[in-house]
Structure formats: structure tokens, C-alpha cells
Amino acid sequence: MTQLELVLDEIVITRPEDVEQHLCADKGYSGEPAYQAIIDRNYIPHVKQRGEEIQEKKNNPSYKNRRWVVEVAHSWFNRFRKLLVRYEKLNDTYLALLHMAAAIIAFRKTGVIYG
């Protein structure tokens, strides 16, 4: 919670004005100060406790999960040891490896590689 305001203030990409912006967070951001920080920055907060989405999915089959997207993406990138343990000293080299890992992940998910 201590870095939430800093992270939200330092977003590099400009957000479109005509689209509602949603922010999905976990149990660590469930307090009133976190809610207020999220709302003050014009986001719609979606702060769920562990297990709430599973229960919601059971009750409503058309419900879309939100929390797992970021967590599973981190898991996919962590499978690349060279990224998990950063051996690269130059930022450009590290960024190139991130792009290559993202391309490999995308190809795996579409079935081009190991399909």
C-alpha cells in the first residue's frame, strides 16, 4: 500500500479520456486509504479477497476473472531464467530479452511453437 500512490502517479502511457479505467488489486489494497487513492486518480477499483473470484465464477458462468491475468503473465516470464535472475547490465539488452520472451510466450499461446 505504501507505493500505490507513487505507482499510479508515474504511469507513462496516457489514458484515453472517453473510456472508464478499471484497476484490479488484491487484498493488500482493501483499506480505505487505498480505495481513496484509486478513486482520486479516476479509476474504478476492483479489490477482491482471495477466493472471491472463484466463488463469483461458480455463481455466474459468464463472469471474467481479472486478477489472474497479471499473476499468470509474471509466471510465464519467470520461466526464462535469464530474465528472472538479471544477468544483463545494459538496459537495452534486458529490454530486448523481454521482447523476445514476450514473442516466444505469444507464439506458444497461439500454437505456432509446440502447437
N, C-alpha and C. Protein backbone atom coordinates (compact mmCIF):
# COMPACT_ATOMS: atom_id res chain seq x y z
N MET A 1 0.83 -1.19 0.00
CA MET A 1 0.00 0.00 0.00
C MET A 1 0.87 1.25 0.00
N THR A 2 2.08 1.18 0.53
CA THR A 2 2.89 2.37 0.67
C THR A 2 3.31 2.98 -0.65
N GLN A 3 3.38 2.20 -1.71
CA GLN A 3 3.84 2.70 -3.00
C GLN A 3 2.71 2.88 -4.02
N LEU A 4 1.48 2.65 -3.60
CA LEU A 4 0.36 2.70 -4.55
C LEU A 4 0.23 4.07 -5.20
N GLU A 5 0.25 5.12 -4.42
CA GLU A 5 0.08 6.46 -4.98
C GLU A 5 1.21 6.80 -5.94
N LEU A 6 2.44 6.44 -5.58
CA LEU A 6 3.58 6.71 -6.45
C LEU A 6 3.45 5.97 -7.78
N VAL A 7 3.05 4.71 -7.73
CA VAL A 7 2.89 3.93 -8.95
C VAL A 7 1.80 4.51 -9.83
N LEU A 8 0.68 4.87 -9.25
CA LEU A 8 -0.42 5.42 -10.05
C LEU A 8 -0.07 6.78 -10.63
N ASP A 9 0.73 7.57 -9.92
CA ASP A 9 1.12 8.88 -10.41
C ASP A 9 2.17 8.81 -11.52
N GLU A 10 2.95 7.74 -11.56
CA GLU A 10 4.06 7.64 -12.51
C GLU A 10 3.73 6.81 -13.74
N ILE A 11 2.47 6.57 -14.04
CA ILE A 11 2.09 5.82 -15.23
C ILE A 11 2.50 6.62 -16.46
N VAL A 12 3.22 5.97 -17.36
CA VAL A 12 3.81 6.64 -18.51
C VAL A 12 2.81 6.82 -19.65
N ILE A 13 1.98 5.82 -19.87
CA ILE A 13 1.05 5.84 -21.00
C ILE A 13 -0.14 6.72 -20.67
N THR A 14 -0.48 7.61 -21.58
CA THR A 14 -1.66 8.46 -21.35
C THR A 14 -2.92 7.64 -21.56
N ARG A 15 -3.85 7.82 -20.67
CA ARG A 15 -5.10 7.07 -20.72
C ARG A 15 -6.12 7.81 -21.57
N PRO A 16 -6.94 7.09 -22.34
CA PRO A 16 -8.00 7.76 -23.10
C PRO A 16 -9.03 8.37 -22.17
N GLU A 17 -9.53 9.51 -22.52
CA GLU A 17 -10.47 10.23 -21.68
C GLU A 17 -11.89 9.65 -21.75
N ASP A 18 -12.24 9.05 -22.89
CA ASP A 18 -13.62 8.60 -23.09
C ASP A 18 -13.88 7.17 -22.63
N VAL A 19 -12.88 6.51 -22.06
CA VAL A 19 -13.02 5.12 -21.63
C VAL A 19 -12.84 5.04 -20.11
N GLU A 20 -13.74 4.32 -19.45
CA GLU A 20 -13.60 4.13 -18.00
C GLU A 20 -12.35 3.30 -17.72
N GLN A 21 -11.60 3.68 -16.71
CA GLN A 21 -10.37 2.98 -16.36
C GLN A 21 -10.61 2.16 -15.10
N HIS A 22 -10.34 0.87 -15.18
CA HIS A 22 -10.52 -0.04 -14.06
C HIS A 22 -9.16 -0.40 -13.49
N LEU A 23 -9.10 -0.60 -12.18
CA LEU A 23 -7.86 -1.01 -11.53
C LEU A 23 -8.15 -2.23 -10.67
N CYS A 24 -7.54 -3.34 -11.03
CA CYS A 24 -7.72 -4.58 -10.28
C CYS A 24 -6.59 -4.72 -9.29
N ALA A 25 -6.94 -4.99 -8.05
CA ALA A 25 -5.93 -5.12 -6.99
C ALA A 25 -6.31 -6.29 -6.09
N ASP A 26 -5.37 -6.67 -5.24
CA ASP A 26 -5.64 -7.79 -4.35
C ASP A 26 -5.91 -7.29 -2.93
N LYS A 27 -5.95 -8.21 -2.00
CA LYS A 27 -6.35 -7.95 -0.62
C LYS A 27 -5.50 -6.86 0.06
N GLY A 28 -4.26 -6.71 -0.35
CA GLY A 28 -3.38 -5.71 0.25
C GLY A 28 -3.84 -4.28 0.06
N TYR A 29 -4.72 -4.05 -0.88
CA TYR A 29 -5.22 -2.70 -1.18
C TYR A 29 -6.67 -2.53 -0.79
N SER A 30 -7.13 -3.27 0.20
CA SER A 30 -8.55 -3.24 0.55
C SER A 30 -8.89 -2.16 1.57
N GLY A 31 -7.93 -1.44 2.10
CA GLY A 31 -8.22 -0.42 3.09
C GLY A 31 -8.77 0.86 2.50
N GLU A 32 -9.33 1.69 3.35
CA GLU A 32 -9.93 2.95 2.90
C GLU A 32 -8.91 3.90 2.26
N PRO A 33 -7.67 4.04 2.78
CA PRO A 33 -6.71 4.93 2.10
C PRO A 33 -6.40 4.47 0.67
N ALA A 34 -6.32 3.17 0.47
CA ALA A 34 -6.04 2.66 -0.88
C ALA A 34 -7.22 2.93 -1.81
N TYR A 35 -8.43 2.68 -1.33
CA TYR A 35 -9.62 2.97 -2.14
C TYR A 35 -9.65 4.44 -2.52
N GLN A 36 -9.37 5.30 -1.57
CA GLN A 36 -9.42 6.73 -1.83
C GLN A 36 -8.35 7.15 -2.85
N ALA A 37 -7.15 6.56 -2.74
CA ALA A 37 -6.09 6.87 -3.70
C ALA A 37 -6.47 6.42 -5.10
N ILE A 38 -7.12 5.28 -5.21
CA ILE A 38 -7.54 4.76 -6.51
C ILE A 38 -8.64 5.64 -7.11
N ILE A 39 -9.61 6.00 -6.29
CA ILE A 39 -10.74 6.82 -6.76
C ILE A 39 -10.28 8.23 -7.12
N ASP A 40 -9.34 8.80 -6.35
CA ASP A 40 -8.84 10.14 -6.62
C ASP A 40 -8.16 10.24 -7.98
N ARG A 41 -7.67 9.12 -8.49
CA ARG A 41 -6.99 9.11 -9.78
C ARG A 41 -7.90 8.61 -10.91
N ASN A 42 -9.19 8.68 -10.67
CA ASN A 42 -10.23 8.37 -11.67
C ASN A 42 -10.20 6.93 -12.16
N TYR A 43 -9.94 6.00 -11.27
CA TYR A 43 -10.04 4.58 -11.58
C TYR A 43 -11.27 4.01 -10.89
N ILE A 44 -11.79 2.95 -11.45
CA ILE A 44 -12.86 2.19 -10.80
C ILE A 44 -12.18 1.02 -10.10
N PRO A 45 -12.21 0.97 -8.77
CA PRO A 45 -11.47 -0.08 -8.06
C PRO A 45 -12.19 -1.43 -8.10
N HIS A 46 -11.40 -2.46 -8.29
CA HIS A 46 -11.86 -3.85 -8.20
C HIS A 46 -10.90 -4.56 -7.26
N VAL A 47 -11.18 -4.49 -5.98
CA VAL A 47 -10.31 -5.09 -4.98
C VAL A 47 -11.04 -6.30 -4.40
N LYS A 48 -10.51 -7.46 -4.68
CA LYS A 48 -11.17 -8.70 -4.27
C LYS A 48 -10.28 -9.47 -3.31
N GLN A 49 -10.93 -10.15 -2.40
CA GLN A 49 -10.24 -11.05 -1.48
C GLN A 49 -9.93 -12.35 -2.22
N ARG A 50 -8.99 -13.11 -1.68
CA ARG A 50 -8.65 -14.40 -2.28
C ARG A 50 -9.87 -15.32 -2.23
N GLY A 51 -10.20 -15.90 -3.33
CA GLY A 51 -11.32 -16.82 -3.39
C GLY A 51 -12.63 -16.20 -3.82
N GLU A 52 -12.74 -14.87 -3.77
CA GLU A 52 -13.99 -14.22 -4.19
C GLU A 52 -14.27 -14.43 -5.67
N GLU A 53 -13.23 -14.37 -6.50
CA GLU A 53 -13.44 -14.54 -7.93
C GLU A 53 -13.83 -15.98 -8.26
N ILE A 54 -13.27 -16.93 -7.53
CA ILE A 54 -13.62 -18.32 -7.75
C ILE A 54 -15.10 -18.53 -7.44
N GLN A 55 -15.55 -17.96 -6.32
CA GLN A 55 -16.96 -18.08 -5.94
C GLN A 55 -17.86 -17.38 -6.94
N GLU A 56 -17.44 -16.21 -7.41
CA GLU A 56 -18.22 -15.47 -8.39
C GLU A 56 -18.34 -16.25 -9.70
N LYS A 57 -17.25 -16.91 -10.10
CA LYS A 57 -17.26 -17.72 -11.32
C LYS A 57 -18.22 -18.90 -11.20
N LYS A 58 -18.29 -19.49 -9.99
CA LYS A 58 -19.22 -20.59 -9.78
C LYS A 58 -20.67 -20.13 -9.87
N ASN A 59 -20.94 -18.95 -9.32
CA ASN A 59 -22.30 -18.41 -9.33
C ASN A 59 -22.73 -17.87 -10.68
N ASN A 60 -21.78 -17.32 -11.44
CA ASN A 60 -22.08 -16.68 -12.71
C ASN A 60 -21.08 -17.18 -13.77
N PRO A 61 -21.44 -18.14 -14.60
CA PRO A 61 -20.51 -18.71 -15.58
C PRO A 61 -19.97 -17.71 -16.60
N SER A 62 -20.66 -16.60 -16.83
CA SER A 62 -20.18 -15.62 -17.81
C SER A 62 -19.22 -14.60 -17.19
N TYR A 63 -18.93 -14.74 -15.90
CA TYR A 63 -18.03 -13.81 -15.21
C TYR A 63 -16.61 -14.00 -15.71
N LYS A 64 -15.88 -12.89 -15.94
CA LYS A 64 -14.49 -12.97 -16.40
C LYS A 64 -13.56 -12.67 -15.22
N ASN A 65 -12.58 -13.53 -15.03
CA ASN A 65 -11.58 -13.31 -14.00
C ASN A 65 -10.73 -12.10 -14.35
N ARG A 66 -10.27 -11.38 -13.34
CA ARG A 66 -9.43 -10.21 -13.57
C ARG A 66 -8.05 -10.36 -12.93
N ARG A 67 -7.98 -10.92 -11.74
CA ARG A 67 -6.72 -10.94 -11.01
C ARG A 67 -5.68 -11.84 -11.64
N TRP A 68 -6.07 -12.96 -12.19
CA TRP A 68 -5.10 -13.94 -12.62
C TRP A 68 -4.27 -13.48 -13.80
N VAL A 69 -4.72 -12.50 -14.56
CA VAL A 69 -4.04 -12.09 -15.79
C VAL A 69 -2.62 -11.64 -15.50
N VAL A 70 -2.44 -10.77 -14.53
CA VAL A 70 -1.10 -10.27 -14.20
C VAL A 70 -0.27 -11.37 -13.56
N GLU A 71 -0.87 -12.13 -12.67
CA GLU A 71 -0.13 -13.17 -11.97
C GLU A 71 0.38 -14.24 -12.92
N VAL A 72 -0.43 -14.64 -13.87
CA VAL A 72 0.00 -15.67 -14.80
C VAL A 72 1.05 -15.12 -15.77
N ALA A 73 0.96 -13.86 -16.13
CA ALA A 73 1.97 -13.26 -17.00
C ALA A 73 3.33 -13.23 -16.30
N HIS A 74 3.34 -12.88 -15.03
CA HIS A 74 4.60 -12.92 -14.27
C HIS A 74 5.15 -14.33 -14.23
N SER A 75 4.28 -15.30 -14.06
CA SER A 75 4.71 -16.69 -14.03
C SER A 75 5.34 -17.10 -15.36
N TRP A 76 4.74 -16.68 -16.47
CA TRP A 76 5.29 -17.04 -17.78
C TRP A 76 6.66 -16.42 -17.97
N PHE A 77 6.84 -15.17 -17.57
CA PHE A 77 8.14 -14.53 -17.72
C PHE A 77 9.18 -15.12 -16.77
N ASN A 78 8.75 -15.58 -15.61
CA ASN A 78 9.70 -16.16 -14.65
C ASN A 78 10.27 -17.49 -15.12
N ARG A 79 9.68 -18.09 -16.14
CA ARG A 79 10.23 -19.33 -16.68
C ARG A 79 11.51 -19.10 -17.48
N PHE A 80 11.77 -17.85 -17.83
CA PHE A 80 13.00 -17.50 -18.53
C PHE A 80 14.03 -17.07 -17.48
N ARG A 81 14.95 -17.98 -17.17
CA ARG A 81 15.90 -17.75 -16.08
C ARG A 81 16.75 -16.50 -16.31
N LYS A 82 17.09 -16.24 -17.54
CA LYS A 82 17.92 -15.07 -17.82
C LYS A 82 17.19 -13.77 -17.47
N LEU A 83 15.86 -13.81 -17.45
CA LEU A 83 15.09 -12.64 -17.02
C LEU A 83 14.83 -12.66 -15.52
N LEU A 84 14.60 -13.87 -14.99
CA LEU A 84 14.31 -13.99 -13.56
C LEU A 84 15.50 -13.52 -12.73
N VAL A 85 16.67 -14.00 -13.07
CA VAL A 85 17.91 -13.54 -12.44
C VAL A 85 18.57 -12.64 -13.47
N ARG A 86 18.55 -11.37 -13.25
CA ARG A 86 19.00 -10.42 -14.27
C ARG A 86 20.52 -10.41 -14.35
N TYR A 87 21.03 -11.04 -15.41
CA TYR A 87 22.47 -11.07 -15.65
C TYR A 87 22.91 -9.91 -16.53
N GLU A 88 21.99 -9.32 -17.25
CA GLU A 88 22.33 -8.27 -18.20
C GLU A 88 22.59 -6.95 -17.47
N LYS A 89 23.64 -6.27 -17.87
CA LYS A 89 23.97 -4.98 -17.25
C LYS A 89 23.36 -3.81 -18.00
N LEU A 90 23.21 -3.96 -19.31
CA LEU A 90 22.67 -2.87 -20.11
C LEU A 90 21.15 -2.95 -20.20
N ASN A 91 20.49 -1.82 -20.04
CA ASN A 91 19.03 -1.79 -20.11
C ASN A 91 18.52 -2.21 -21.48
N ASP A 92 19.22 -1.79 -22.54
CA ASP A 92 18.77 -2.14 -23.89
C ASP A 92 18.79 -3.65 -24.13
N THR A 93 19.81 -4.31 -23.62
CA THR A 93 19.91 -5.76 -23.77
C THR A 93 18.80 -6.45 -22.99
N TYR A 94 18.56 -5.99 -21.79
CA TYR A 94 17.50 -6.57 -20.96
C TYR A 94 16.13 -6.36 -21.61
N LEU A 95 15.89 -5.18 -22.14
CA LEU A 95 14.62 -4.90 -22.83
C LEU A 95 14.45 -5.79 -24.06
N ALA A 96 15.53 -6.01 -24.79
CA ALA A 96 15.47 -6.89 -25.96
C ALA A 96 15.11 -8.32 -25.53
N LEU A 97 15.66 -8.78 -24.42
CA LEU A 97 15.34 -10.11 -23.92
C LEU A 97 13.87 -10.19 -23.48
N LEU A 98 13.36 -9.13 -22.87
CA LEU A 98 11.94 -9.09 -22.50
C LEU A 98 11.05 -9.20 -23.74
N HIS A 99 11.40 -8.48 -24.79
CA HIS A 99 10.62 -8.54 -26.02
C HIS A 99 10.68 -9.93 -26.64
N MET A 100 11.86 -10.54 -26.61
CA MET A 100 11.98 -11.89 -27.17
C MET A 100 11.16 -12.89 -26.36
N ALA A 101 11.20 -12.76 -25.04
CA ALA A 101 10.40 -13.66 -24.19
C ALA A 101 8.92 -13.46 -24.45
N ALA A 102 8.48 -12.21 -24.61
CA ALA A 102 7.07 -11.94 -24.89
C ALA A 102 6.66 -12.55 -26.23
N ALA A 103 7.54 -12.48 -27.23
CA ALA A 103 7.23 -13.08 -28.53
C ALA A 103 7.14 -14.60 -28.42
N ILE A 104 8.05 -15.21 -27.67
CA ILE A 104 8.01 -16.67 -27.50
C ILE A 104 6.74 -17.08 -26.77
N ILE A 105 6.37 -16.33 -25.74
CA ILE A 105 5.13 -16.64 -25.00
C ILE A 105 3.92 -16.53 -25.93
N ALA A 106 3.88 -15.48 -26.73
CA ALA A 106 2.76 -15.29 -27.65
C ALA A 106 2.69 -16.43 -28.67
N PHE A 107 3.84 -16.81 -29.22
CA PHE A 107 3.86 -17.91 -30.19
C PHE A 107 3.43 -19.22 -29.55
N ARG A 108 3.82 -19.45 -28.30
CA ARG A 108 3.41 -20.67 -27.61
C ARG A 108 1.90 -20.68 -27.39
N LYS A 109 1.34 -19.55 -27.02
CA LYS A 109 -0.09 -19.50 -26.73
C LYS A 109 -0.94 -19.62 -27.99
N THR A 110 -0.43 -19.18 -29.13
CA THR A 110 -1.18 -19.30 -30.37
C THR A 110 -0.97 -20.64 -31.06
N GLY A 111 -0.03 -21.42 -30.56
CA GLY A 111 0.20 -22.74 -31.11
C GLY A 111 1.21 -22.79 -32.24
N VAL A 112 1.86 -21.66 -32.55
CA VAL A 112 2.88 -21.66 -33.59
C VAL A 112 4.08 -22.50 -33.16
N ILE A 113 4.46 -22.36 -31.89
CA ILE A 113 5.54 -23.16 -31.32
C ILE A 113 4.88 -24.19 -30.40
N TYR A 114 5.28 -25.41 -30.47
CA TYR A 114 4.77 -26.50 -29.64
C TYR A 114 3.27 -26.66 -29.76
N GLY A 115 2.70 -26.35 -30.92
CA GLY A 115 1.25 -26.40 -31.09
C GLY A 115 0.78 -27.76 -31.42
